[in-house]
């Protein structure tokens, strides 16, 4: 069992002992630290916090603990209850709140939960502010409110509907064109809050919806990470219902993946590629993704006359780079779409609207659309090292060995070869170097990854 503390929040498995797992004591401690930080950050004696959760089984328990802790610290709460990560993100500025907490472990299985922390813009905290919260928690530097100064809770039901309407009302959403196509779509929402949000959006856009696992019970029917090996039922259902395509989201609805009409994965990496293709056809500009995302985004961006920029892995890093270069769209290759005209957060609902708008202007099927994009294949592997091994020194040596190649070192080491690339980065929680490669065939991508695994192991042996 695990408890992971980071600048973006606290994540862990439910049950067990404090400090080793996400127990009630850990939830209270971290919520207290966030409240203390928020009072200082906002400069307000009684700040307001928006709180929402996904449907996982521990959600109501964690919500009660966190909300009552925030109240006990003298802060007010706007309670969205069942919600999505992007819904909470847009709710923070909507209500002029001072911060927000999303109770979700994203794509992790049911035994996990987490507190993901937002600032007054509804964006994830940067490293400096996140570290302050970790320091407050480590020092137990809390002060709770007297009885007359306790905070209040305001319940707001159905804010997901507000989110859905905002997506429909975006200028880039081709409402009439989508409705005229009479699309039929199968949706797998893993019995979380995507089962509320995604069908609601599709039905308002005139799409016929076949619902799979759309009851927000928290009983995930399969591993909730939207990867091919977890989506066999969705792939079969698309073919069975003769649907135009399938949609799946993770439990907090910030990752998005599609299945084509043949029951084949469109590919998580190509979610951002397709959405960027559409946005860049409507508005010229630059794009951003993280270093481990597909080169196909660069190709599509250049095709439309824009410039592609790479950021370190992590949503907050992508957002920082997007603001720096004024990108019109960005995201991550895990199916995360960030569209600044809506908000600076990954949003599957925004991505769905873009994808439907793109398809509504074409006569091609989803499989034909995928075939029109540059074909790349990725491998994702890892090297496990002995605890205490000098990971930074190992990566520095591999960088030195390839110093004459095109190297990016803002997040581990990425080597861009003419026809392919490899990205090596250390884990922040375990002695592992993660290796990502991309090439024009799966065989070459796998061989490139295996080659660097061998080289890293040789270097590690010299440092043993």
Protein backbone atom coordinates (compact mmCIF):
# COMPACT_ATOMS: atom_id res chain seq x y z
CA UNK A 1 0.00 0.00 0.00
CA UNK A 2 1.19 3.50 -0.79
CA UNK A 3 1.05 7.18 0.17
CA UNK A 4 2.61 9.62 -2.31
CA UNK A 5 3.09 13.26 -1.34
CA UNK A 6 3.93 15.69 -4.11
CA UNK A 7 3.61 19.35 -5.02
CA UNK A 8 0.33 18.60 -6.82
CA UNK A 9 -1.36 16.96 -3.84
CA UNK A 10 -1.48 13.72 -1.88
CA UNK A 11 -2.37 10.34 -3.36
CA UNK A 12 -2.61 6.96 -1.76
CA UNK A 13 -4.43 3.72 -1.11
CA UNK A 14 -7.31 3.66 1.34
CA UNK A 15 -6.83 1.92 4.70
CA UNK A 16 -3.77 0.86 6.66
CA UNK A 17 -1.56 2.98 8.86
CA UNK A 18 -1.14 6.80 8.81
CA UNK A 19 1.81 8.07 6.77
CA UNK A 20 1.87 4.77 4.89
CA UNK A 21 -1.56 5.02 3.25
CA UNK A 22 -4.29 7.57 2.60
CA UNK A 23 -6.02 7.24 5.98
CA UNK A 24 -8.56 9.62 7.55
CA UNK A 25 -5.73 11.19 9.56
CA UNK A 26 -3.71 11.86 6.39
CA UNK A 27 -6.72 13.39 4.61
CA UNK A 28 -7.37 15.71 7.57
CA UNK A 29 -3.70 16.66 7.90
CA UNK A 30 -3.26 17.54 4.24
CA UNK A 31 -6.59 19.40 4.03
CA UNK A 32 -5.51 21.41 7.08
CA UNK A 33 -2.20 22.28 5.42
CA UNK A 34 -4.01 23.40 2.27
CA UNK A 35 -6.38 25.62 4.30
CA UNK A 36 -3.46 27.23 6.16
CA UNK A 37 -1.66 27.85 2.86
CA UNK A 38 -4.80 29.23 1.22
CA UNK A 39 -5.32 31.84 3.92
CA UNK A 40 -1.79 33.10 3.40
CA UNK A 41 -1.91 32.80 -0.40
CA UNK A 42 -5.24 34.63 -0.72
CA UNK A 43 -4.68 37.16 2.04
CA UNK A 44 -8.30 36.57 3.06
CA UNK A 45 -9.38 35.61 6.57
CA UNK A 46 -12.23 33.41 5.32
CA UNK A 47 -11.34 32.08 1.88
CA UNK A 48 -13.71 29.94 -0.20
CA UNK A 49 -12.81 26.49 -1.53
CA UNK A 50 -14.67 24.59 -4.27
CA UNK A 51 -14.69 20.83 -3.64
CA UNK A 52 -15.84 18.07 -5.99
CA UNK A 53 -15.18 14.34 -6.26
CA UNK A 54 -15.31 11.46 -8.69
CA UNK A 55 -17.51 8.45 -7.97
CA UNK A 56 -14.94 6.07 -6.47
CA UNK A 57 -16.06 4.09 -3.43
CA UNK A 58 -14.06 6.07 -0.86
CA UNK A 59 -15.18 9.41 -2.27
CA UNK A 60 -17.98 10.26 0.15
CA UNK A 61 -15.79 9.41 3.15
CA UNK A 62 -12.84 11.48 1.94
CA UNK A 63 -15.19 14.31 0.97
CA UNK A 64 -16.71 14.43 4.46
CA UNK A 65 -13.27 14.46 6.07
CA UNK A 66 -11.85 17.14 3.80
CA UNK A 67 -14.88 19.42 3.81
CA UNK A 68 -15.25 19.37 7.57
CA UNK A 69 -11.54 19.99 8.01
CA UNK A 70 -11.72 23.00 5.69
CA UNK A 71 -14.70 24.31 7.67
CA UNK A 72 -12.83 23.67 10.91
CA UNK A 73 -9.99 25.83 9.62
CA UNK A 74 -12.40 28.75 9.15
CA UNK A 75 -12.84 28.50 5.37
CA UNK A 76 -16.10 28.32 3.42
CA UNK A 77 -16.84 25.44 1.07
CA UNK A 78 -18.77 25.26 -2.19
CA UNK A 79 -19.72 21.58 -2.45
CA UNK A 80 -20.16 20.26 -6.01
CA UNK A 81 -20.33 16.66 -4.76
CA UNK A 82 -20.10 14.29 -7.78
CA UNK A 83 -18.13 16.20 -10.36
CA UNK A 84 -15.16 16.01 -12.74
CA UNK A 85 -11.71 17.50 -12.52
CA UNK A 86 -12.32 20.04 -15.34
CA UNK A 87 -15.73 20.90 -13.84
CA UNK A 88 -14.10 21.88 -10.55
CA UNK A 89 -11.43 23.80 -12.45
CA UNK A 90 -13.99 26.01 -14.21
CA UNK A 91 -16.09 26.32 -11.05
CA UNK A 92 -13.31 28.03 -9.05
CA UNK A 93 -13.24 31.25 -11.15
CA UNK A 94 -16.99 30.93 -11.87
CA UNK A 95 -17.74 31.34 -8.15
CA UNK A 96 -14.82 33.75 -7.60
CA UNK A 97 -13.44 31.22 -5.11
CA UNK A 98 -9.91 31.30 -3.74
CA UNK A 99 -9.02 27.69 -4.45
CA UNK A 100 -10.31 24.22 -5.13
CA UNK A 101 -9.80 20.57 -4.21
CA UNK A 102 -10.63 17.65 -6.48
CA UNK A 103 -11.01 14.32 -4.70
CA UNK A 104 -9.91 11.81 -7.31
CA UNK A 105 -7.07 9.42 -8.01
CA UNK A 106 -7.58 9.98 -11.72
CA UNK A 107 -6.84 6.74 -13.65
CA UNK A 108 -5.78 4.71 -10.60
CA UNK A 109 -7.80 1.64 -9.52
CA UNK A 110 -10.58 1.77 -6.94
CA UNK A 111 -8.38 1.37 -3.84
CA UNK A 112 -6.75 4.73 -4.55
CA UNK A 113 -7.92 8.27 -3.84
CA UNK A 114 -6.27 11.67 -3.76
CA UNK A 115 -6.53 15.37 -3.03
CA UNK A 116 -5.60 17.42 -6.11
CA UNK A 117 -5.12 21.09 -5.31
CA UNK A 118 -6.03 24.23 -7.27
CA UNK A 119 -5.28 27.94 -7.00
CA UNK A 120 -7.70 30.83 -7.50
CA UNK A 121 -7.54 30.43 -11.30
CA UNK A 122 -8.69 26.83 -11.06
CA UNK A 123 -5.23 25.65 -12.10
CA UNK A 124 -2.87 23.21 -10.43
CA UNK A 125 -0.34 24.70 -8.05
CA UNK A 126 3.21 25.34 -9.18
CA UNK A 127 6.18 23.73 -7.47
CA UNK A 128 6.82 26.62 -5.09
CA UNK A 129 3.28 26.80 -3.72
CA UNK A 130 2.91 23.03 -3.61
CA UNK A 131 6.10 22.73 -1.57
CA UNK A 132 4.76 25.24 0.95
CA UNK A 133 1.81 22.94 1.62
CA UNK A 134 4.10 19.95 2.06
CA UNK A 135 6.19 21.97 4.54
CA UNK A 136 3.11 23.03 6.53
CA UNK A 137 1.93 19.43 6.71
CA UNK A 138 5.36 18.16 7.75
CA UNK A 139 5.56 20.73 10.55
CA UNK A 140 1.95 20.18 11.74
CA UNK A 141 1.64 23.96 11.52
CA UNK A 142 -2.15 24.19 11.85
CA UNK A 143 -4.49 26.51 13.71
CA UNK A 144 -8.20 25.73 13.79
CA UNK A 145 -11.09 28.18 14.07
CA UNK A 146 -13.03 29.01 17.22
CA UNK A 147 -16.68 27.95 17.28
CA UNK A 148 -18.01 31.31 16.10
CA UNK A 149 -15.54 31.37 13.21
CA UNK A 150 -16.23 27.98 11.65
CA UNK A 151 -16.77 28.01 7.89
CA UNK A 152 -19.96 27.18 6.03
CA UNK A 153 -20.94 24.78 3.24
CA UNK A 154 -22.97 25.80 0.21
CA UNK A 155 -24.22 22.86 -1.85
CA UNK A 156 -24.38 23.41 -5.62
CA UNK A 157 -26.12 20.65 -7.53
CA UNK A 158 -25.72 19.91 -11.23
CA UNK A 159 -22.75 22.18 -11.93
CA UNK A 160 -21.74 19.60 -14.52
CA UNK A 161 -24.64 21.00 -16.57
CA UNK A 162 -22.99 24.44 -16.45
CA UNK A 163 -19.76 22.87 -17.69
CA UNK A 164 -21.58 21.03 -20.50
CA UNK A 165 -23.30 24.24 -21.62
CA UNK A 166 -20.00 26.14 -21.62
CA UNK A 167 -18.51 23.50 -23.93
CA UNK A 168 -21.52 23.64 -26.26
CA UNK A 169 -21.32 27.44 -26.36
CA UNK A 170 -17.64 27.55 -27.32
CA UNK A 171 -17.32 29.26 -30.74
CA UNK A 172 -15.36 26.27 -32.05
CA UNK A 173 -18.16 23.79 -31.28
CA UNK A 174 -20.05 23.22 -34.55
CA UNK A 175 -23.40 22.46 -32.93
CA UNK A 176 -25.58 22.40 -36.05
CA UNK A 177 -23.04 20.52 -38.16
CA UNK A 178 -22.65 17.86 -35.47
CA UNK A 179 -26.40 17.40 -35.10
CA UNK A 180 -26.84 17.06 -38.87
CA UNK A 181 -24.46 14.08 -38.96
CA UNK A 182 -26.64 12.01 -36.61
CA UNK A 183 -23.62 10.28 -35.09
CA UNK A 184 -24.06 7.11 -33.05
CA UNK A 185 -21.47 6.75 -30.26
CA UNK A 186 -20.77 4.15 -27.56
CA UNK A 187 -19.56 5.59 -24.23
CA UNK A 188 -17.63 3.70 -21.53
CA UNK A 189 -17.36 5.92 -18.42
CA UNK A 190 -16.12 3.23 -15.96
CA UNK A 191 -19.07 3.92 -13.63
CA UNK A 192 -17.71 7.30 -12.57
CA UNK A 193 -18.75 10.90 -13.17
CA UNK A 194 -18.03 10.74 -16.87
CA UNK A 195 -21.26 8.75 -16.97
CA UNK A 196 -23.07 11.94 -15.98
CA UNK A 197 -21.12 14.43 -18.07
CA UNK A 198 -20.32 12.69 -21.37
CA UNK A 199 -23.83 11.42 -22.29
CA UNK A 200 -25.29 14.80 -21.28
CA UNK A 201 -22.94 16.61 -23.67
CA UNK A 202 -23.49 14.17 -26.53
CA UNK A 203 -27.28 14.21 -26.26
CA UNK A 204 -27.35 18.02 -26.30
CA UNK A 205 -25.30 17.86 -29.50
CA UNK A 206 -27.82 15.53 -31.15
CA UNK A 207 -25.68 12.40 -30.88
CA UNK A 208 -27.26 8.99 -30.31
CA UNK A 209 -25.60 7.50 -27.22
CA UNK A 210 -25.14 3.84 -26.32
CA UNK A 211 -24.19 3.90 -22.63
CA UNK A 212 -21.77 1.39 -21.08
CA UNK A 213 -20.85 1.66 -17.41
CA UNK A 214 -22.31 5.13 -17.08
CA UNK A 215 -23.84 4.70 -13.59
CA UNK A 216 -21.63 6.64 -11.11
CA UNK A 217 -21.46 3.80 -8.58
CA UNK A 218 -17.68 3.74 -8.23
CA UNK A 219 -17.56 0.02 -9.04
CA UNK A 220 -15.06 0.20 -11.89
CA UNK A 221 -15.83 -2.68 -14.30
CA UNK A 222 -12.21 -2.82 -15.48
CA UNK A 223 -8.92 -1.05 -14.91
CA UNK A 224 -9.96 2.61 -15.34
CA UNK A 225 -6.89 3.77 -17.26
CA UNK A 226 -8.10 4.27 -20.87
CA UNK A 227 -5.64 1.90 -22.54
CA UNK A 228 -6.28 -0.66 -25.29
CA UNK A 229 -5.90 -3.69 -23.03
CA UNK A 230 -8.68 -2.40 -20.74
CA UNK A 231 -11.20 -1.55 -23.46
CA UNK A 232 -12.04 -4.85 -25.16
CA UNK A 233 -15.74 -4.54 -24.28
CA UNK A 234 -15.97 -1.02 -25.70
CA UNK A 235 -14.22 -2.08 -28.91
CA UNK A 236 -16.66 -4.98 -29.34
CA UNK A 237 -19.69 -2.82 -28.54
CA UNK A 238 -18.81 -0.25 -31.21
CA UNK A 239 -18.88 -2.98 -33.86
CA UNK A 240 -21.97 -4.67 -32.39
CA UNK A 241 -24.01 -1.45 -32.44
CA UNK A 242 -22.63 -0.34 -35.82
CA UNK A 243 -21.59 2.90 -34.13
CA UNK A 244 -19.54 5.66 -35.73
CA UNK A 245 -16.99 5.45 -32.91
CA UNK A 246 -16.53 4.88 -29.18
CA UNK A 247 -15.53 7.23 -26.38
CA UNK A 248 -13.88 6.42 -23.07
CA UNK A 249 -12.73 8.67 -20.25
CA UNK A 250 -10.96 8.06 -16.97
CA UNK A 251 -12.83 8.42 -13.63
CA UNK A 252 -12.26 12.19 -13.31
CA UNK A 253 -12.79 12.96 -17.02
CA UNK A 254 -9.51 14.70 -17.85
CA UNK A 255 -8.25 11.94 -20.18
CA UNK A 256 -9.98 11.00 -23.43
CA UNK A 257 -9.58 8.14 -25.90
CA UNK A 258 -11.51 7.04 -28.98
CA UNK A 259 -12.28 3.72 -30.69
CA UNK A 260 -12.88 3.76 -34.45
CA UNK A 261 -15.86 2.22 -36.27
CA UNK A 262 -13.92 -1.03 -36.75
CA UNK A 263 -13.43 -1.47 -33.02
CA UNK A 264 -9.76 -0.44 -33.17
CA UNK A 265 -8.13 2.09 -30.86
CA UNK A 266 -7.70 5.54 -32.38
CA UNK A 267 -4.77 5.88 -29.98
CA UNK A 268 -4.44 8.04 -26.87
CA UNK A 269 -1.56 9.91 -28.48
CA UNK A 270 -3.74 10.84 -31.44
CA UNK A 271 -6.53 12.38 -29.34
CA UNK A 272 -4.46 15.55 -29.03
CA UNK A 273 -3.27 15.30 -32.65
CA UNK A 274 -6.84 15.25 -34.01
CA UNK A 275 -8.06 18.02 -31.72
CA UNK A 276 -5.05 20.18 -32.62
CA UNK A 277 -5.65 19.49 -36.32
CA UNK A 278 -9.16 20.90 -35.91
CA UNK A 279 -8.22 23.95 -33.81
CA UNK A 280 -5.30 24.87 -36.09
CA UNK A 281 -7.65 24.72 -39.09
CA UNK A 282 -9.80 27.32 -37.33
CA UNK A 283 -7.10 29.45 -35.74
CA UNK A 284 -3.40 29.72 -36.55
CA UNK A 285 -0.95 29.38 -33.68
CA UNK A 286 1.47 27.21 -31.75
CA UNK A 287 1.04 23.98 -29.81
CA UNK A 288 2.62 22.37 -26.75
CA UNK A 289 2.86 18.82 -25.42
CA UNK A 290 5.21 17.09 -23.03
CA UNK A 291 8.48 15.49 -24.06
CA UNK A 292 6.99 11.99 -23.99
CA UNK A 293 4.17 12.76 -26.41
CA UNK A 294 4.02 11.83 -30.08
CA UNK A 295 6.00 13.61 -32.77
CA UNK A 296 2.78 13.58 -34.80
CA UNK A 297 1.66 16.78 -33.02
CA UNK A 298 4.79 18.54 -34.24
CA UNK A 299 4.10 17.38 -37.81
CA UNK A 300 0.46 18.53 -37.76
CA UNK A 301 1.42 21.87 -36.21
CA UNK A 302 4.03 22.53 -38.88
CA UNK A 303 1.55 21.50 -41.59
CA UNK A 304 -0.73 24.32 -40.40
CA UNK A 305 2.13 26.82 -40.28
CA UNK A 306 2.60 26.84 -36.51
CA UNK A 307 5.48 26.01 -34.19
CA UNK A 308 5.51 23.05 -31.82
CA UNK A 309 7.02 23.41 -28.33
CA UNK A 310 7.94 20.67 -25.82
CA UNK A 311 7.49 20.90 -22.06
CA UNK A 312 8.57 18.76 -19.14
CA UNK A 313 6.18 15.97 -18.20
CA UNK A 314 3.31 17.10 -15.98
CA UNK A 315 0.22 19.18 -16.63
CA UNK A 316 1.49 22.23 -14.74
CA UNK A 317 4.65 22.24 -16.90
CA UNK A 318 2.62 22.03 -20.11
CA UNK A 319 0.39 24.90 -18.96
CA UNK A 320 3.40 27.04 -18.05
CA UNK A 321 4.91 26.53 -21.51
CA UNK A 322 1.55 27.18 -23.19
CA UNK A 323 1.27 30.53 -21.45
CA UNK A 324 4.89 31.36 -22.30
CA UNK A 325 4.41 30.80 -26.07
CA UNK A 326 0.70 31.75 -26.18
CA UNK A 327 -0.22 28.33 -27.60
CA UNK A 328 -3.72 27.90 -29.03
CA UNK A 329 -3.94 24.28 -27.87
CA UNK A 330 -1.80 21.85 -25.92
CA UNK A 331 -1.92 18.81 -23.75
CA UNK A 332 -0.39 15.44 -23.11
CA UNK A 333 -0.17 12.23 -25.09
CA UNK A 334 -2.24 10.40 -22.47
CA UNK A 335 -5.40 11.85 -23.99
CA UNK A 336 -5.33 15.19 -22.18
CA UNK A 337 -6.60 18.24 -24.10
CA UNK A 338 -5.89 21.77 -22.84
CA UNK A 339 -7.69 24.58 -24.63
CA UNK A 340 -6.97 28.05 -23.20
CA UNK A 341 -10.15 29.57 -24.67
CA UNK A 342 -12.00 27.36 -22.17
CA UNK A 343 -9.53 26.98 -19.29
CA UNK A 344 -5.97 25.85 -18.56
CA UNK A 345 -6.74 22.27 -17.59
CA UNK A 346 -7.13 18.91 -19.32
CA UNK A 347 -10.78 18.52 -20.29
CA UNK A 348 -12.29 15.48 -22.01
CA UNK A 349 -15.58 17.30 -22.70
CA UNK A 350 -13.75 20.01 -24.62
CA UNK A 351 -11.87 17.30 -26.54
CA UNK A 352 -15.11 15.50 -27.43
CA UNK A 353 -16.62 18.72 -28.81
CA UNK A 354 -13.50 19.32 -30.91
CA UNK A 355 -13.44 15.75 -32.25
CA UNK A 356 -17.11 15.85 -33.21
CA UNK A 357 -16.65 19.25 -34.85
CA UNK A 358 -13.70 17.92 -36.84
CA UNK A 359 -15.65 14.85 -38.00
CA UNK A 360 -18.72 16.91 -38.88
CA UNK A 361 -16.70 18.72 -41.53
CA UNK A 362 -15.44 15.55 -43.18
CA UNK A 363 -16.92 12.63 -45.09
CA UNK A 364 -14.29 10.23 -43.76
CA UNK A 365 -14.75 7.60 -41.08
CA UNK A 366 -12.76 7.69 -37.86
CA UNK A 367 -10.39 5.01 -39.15
CA UNK A 368 -9.81 7.00 -42.34
CA UNK A 369 -9.15 10.11 -40.27
CA UNK A 370 -6.51 8.25 -38.26
CA UNK A 371 -4.91 6.94 -41.46
CA UNK A 372 -4.53 10.52 -42.70
CA UNK A 373 -2.15 11.40 -39.85
CA UNK A 374 1.58 10.65 -39.67
CA UNK A 375 2.03 7.09 -38.42
CA UNK A 376 4.16 6.70 -35.30
CA UNK A 377 4.45 3.87 -32.81
CA UNK A 378 5.53 4.11 -29.19
CA UNK A 379 7.14 1.83 -26.64
CA UNK A 380 7.00 2.52 -22.89
CA UNK A 381 9.38 0.52 -20.71
CA UNK A 382 11.47 0.94 -17.57
CA UNK A 383 14.75 0.01 -15.93
CA UNK A 384 14.57 -0.95 -12.27
CA UNK A 385 17.63 0.08 -10.28
CA UNK A 386 18.94 -0.74 -6.84
CA UNK A 387 17.79 1.66 -4.14
CA UNK A 388 20.37 4.39 -3.63
CA UNK A 389 21.70 4.15 -7.17
CA UNK A 390 22.81 7.61 -8.48
CA UNK A 391 20.09 7.97 -11.13
CA UNK A 392 21.06 11.53 -12.07
CA UNK A 393 24.67 10.48 -12.70
CA UNK A 394 23.51 7.57 -14.86
CA UNK A 395 21.35 9.88 -16.99
CA UNK A 396 24.18 12.41 -17.20
CA UNK A 397 26.50 9.72 -18.56
CA UNK A 398 24.01 8.62 -21.22
CA UNK A 399 23.59 12.28 -22.21
CA UNK A 400 27.35 12.65 -22.52
CA UNK A 401 27.53 9.55 -24.70
CA UNK A 402 25.10 11.16 -27.17
CA UNK A 403 26.25 14.78 -26.87
CA UNK A 404 26.45 15.18 -30.66
CA UNK A 405 22.75 14.36 -31.08
CA UNK A 406 19.76 16.67 -30.59
CA UNK A 407 19.28 16.51 -26.81
CA UNK A 408 16.68 18.06 -24.51
CA UNK A 409 17.43 17.88 -20.79
CA UNK A 410 14.63 19.87 -19.11
CA UNK A 411 13.10 16.61 -17.83
CA UNK A 412 15.50 13.69 -17.83
CA UNK A 413 17.18 13.15 -21.19
CA UNK A 414 15.43 13.13 -24.55
CA UNK A 415 17.43 12.29 -27.66
CA UNK A 416 15.83 13.22 -30.98
CA UNK A 417 17.23 11.14 -33.81
CA UNK A 418 16.18 11.97 -37.40
CA UNK A 419 13.67 9.10 -37.64
CA UNK A 420 12.84 8.40 -33.99
CA UNK A 421 13.42 9.47 -30.39
CA UNK A 422 14.03 8.15 -26.90
CA UNK A 423 13.09 9.87 -23.62
CA UNK A 424 14.56 8.69 -20.31
CA UNK A 425 13.37 10.16 -17.01
CA UNK A 426 13.65 9.09 -13.42
CA UNK A 427 10.68 8.28 -11.23
CA UNK A 428 10.13 10.61 -8.27
CA UNK A 429 8.82 7.80 -6.08
CA UNK A 430 10.90 4.69 -6.84
CA UNK A 431 14.36 3.74 -8.18
CA UNK A 432 13.25 3.47 -11.79
CA UNK A 433 14.22 5.10 -15.08
CA UNK A 434 11.23 5.24 -17.40
CA UNK A 435 11.99 4.89 -21.10
CA UNK A 436 9.72 6.15 -23.87
CA UNK A 437 10.52 5.67 -27.54
CA UNK A 438 8.75 6.50 -30.78
CA UNK A 439 9.45 5.32 -34.31
CA UNK A 440 7.71 4.63 -37.61
CA UNK A 441 7.09 0.98 -36.69
CA UNK A 442 6.40 -0.83 -33.44
CA UNK A 443 9.34 -3.13 -34.04
CA UNK A 444 11.80 -0.25 -34.31
CA UNK A 445 10.29 1.50 -31.25
CA UNK A 446 10.66 -1.68 -29.17
CA UNK A 447 14.22 -2.30 -30.37
CA UNK A 448 15.21 1.29 -29.60
CA UNK A 449 13.82 0.96 -26.08
CA UNK A 450 15.61 -2.36 -25.53
CA UNK A 451 18.86 -0.86 -26.80
CA UNK A 452 18.75 1.95 -24.25
CA UNK A 453 17.71 -0.42 -21.47
CA UNK A 454 20.92 -2.36 -22.15
CA UNK A 455 23.03 0.81 -22.22
CA UNK A 456 21.53 2.10 -18.98
CA UNK A 457 22.09 -1.23 -17.25
CA UNK A 458 25.74 -1.24 -18.32
CA UNK A 459 26.21 2.25 -16.89
CA UNK A 460 24.36 1.30 -13.69
CA UNK A 461 26.68 -1.67 -13.17
CA UNK A 462 29.69 0.65 -13.22
CA UNK A 463 28.03 2.80 -10.54
CA UNK A 464 27.09 -0.17 -8.34
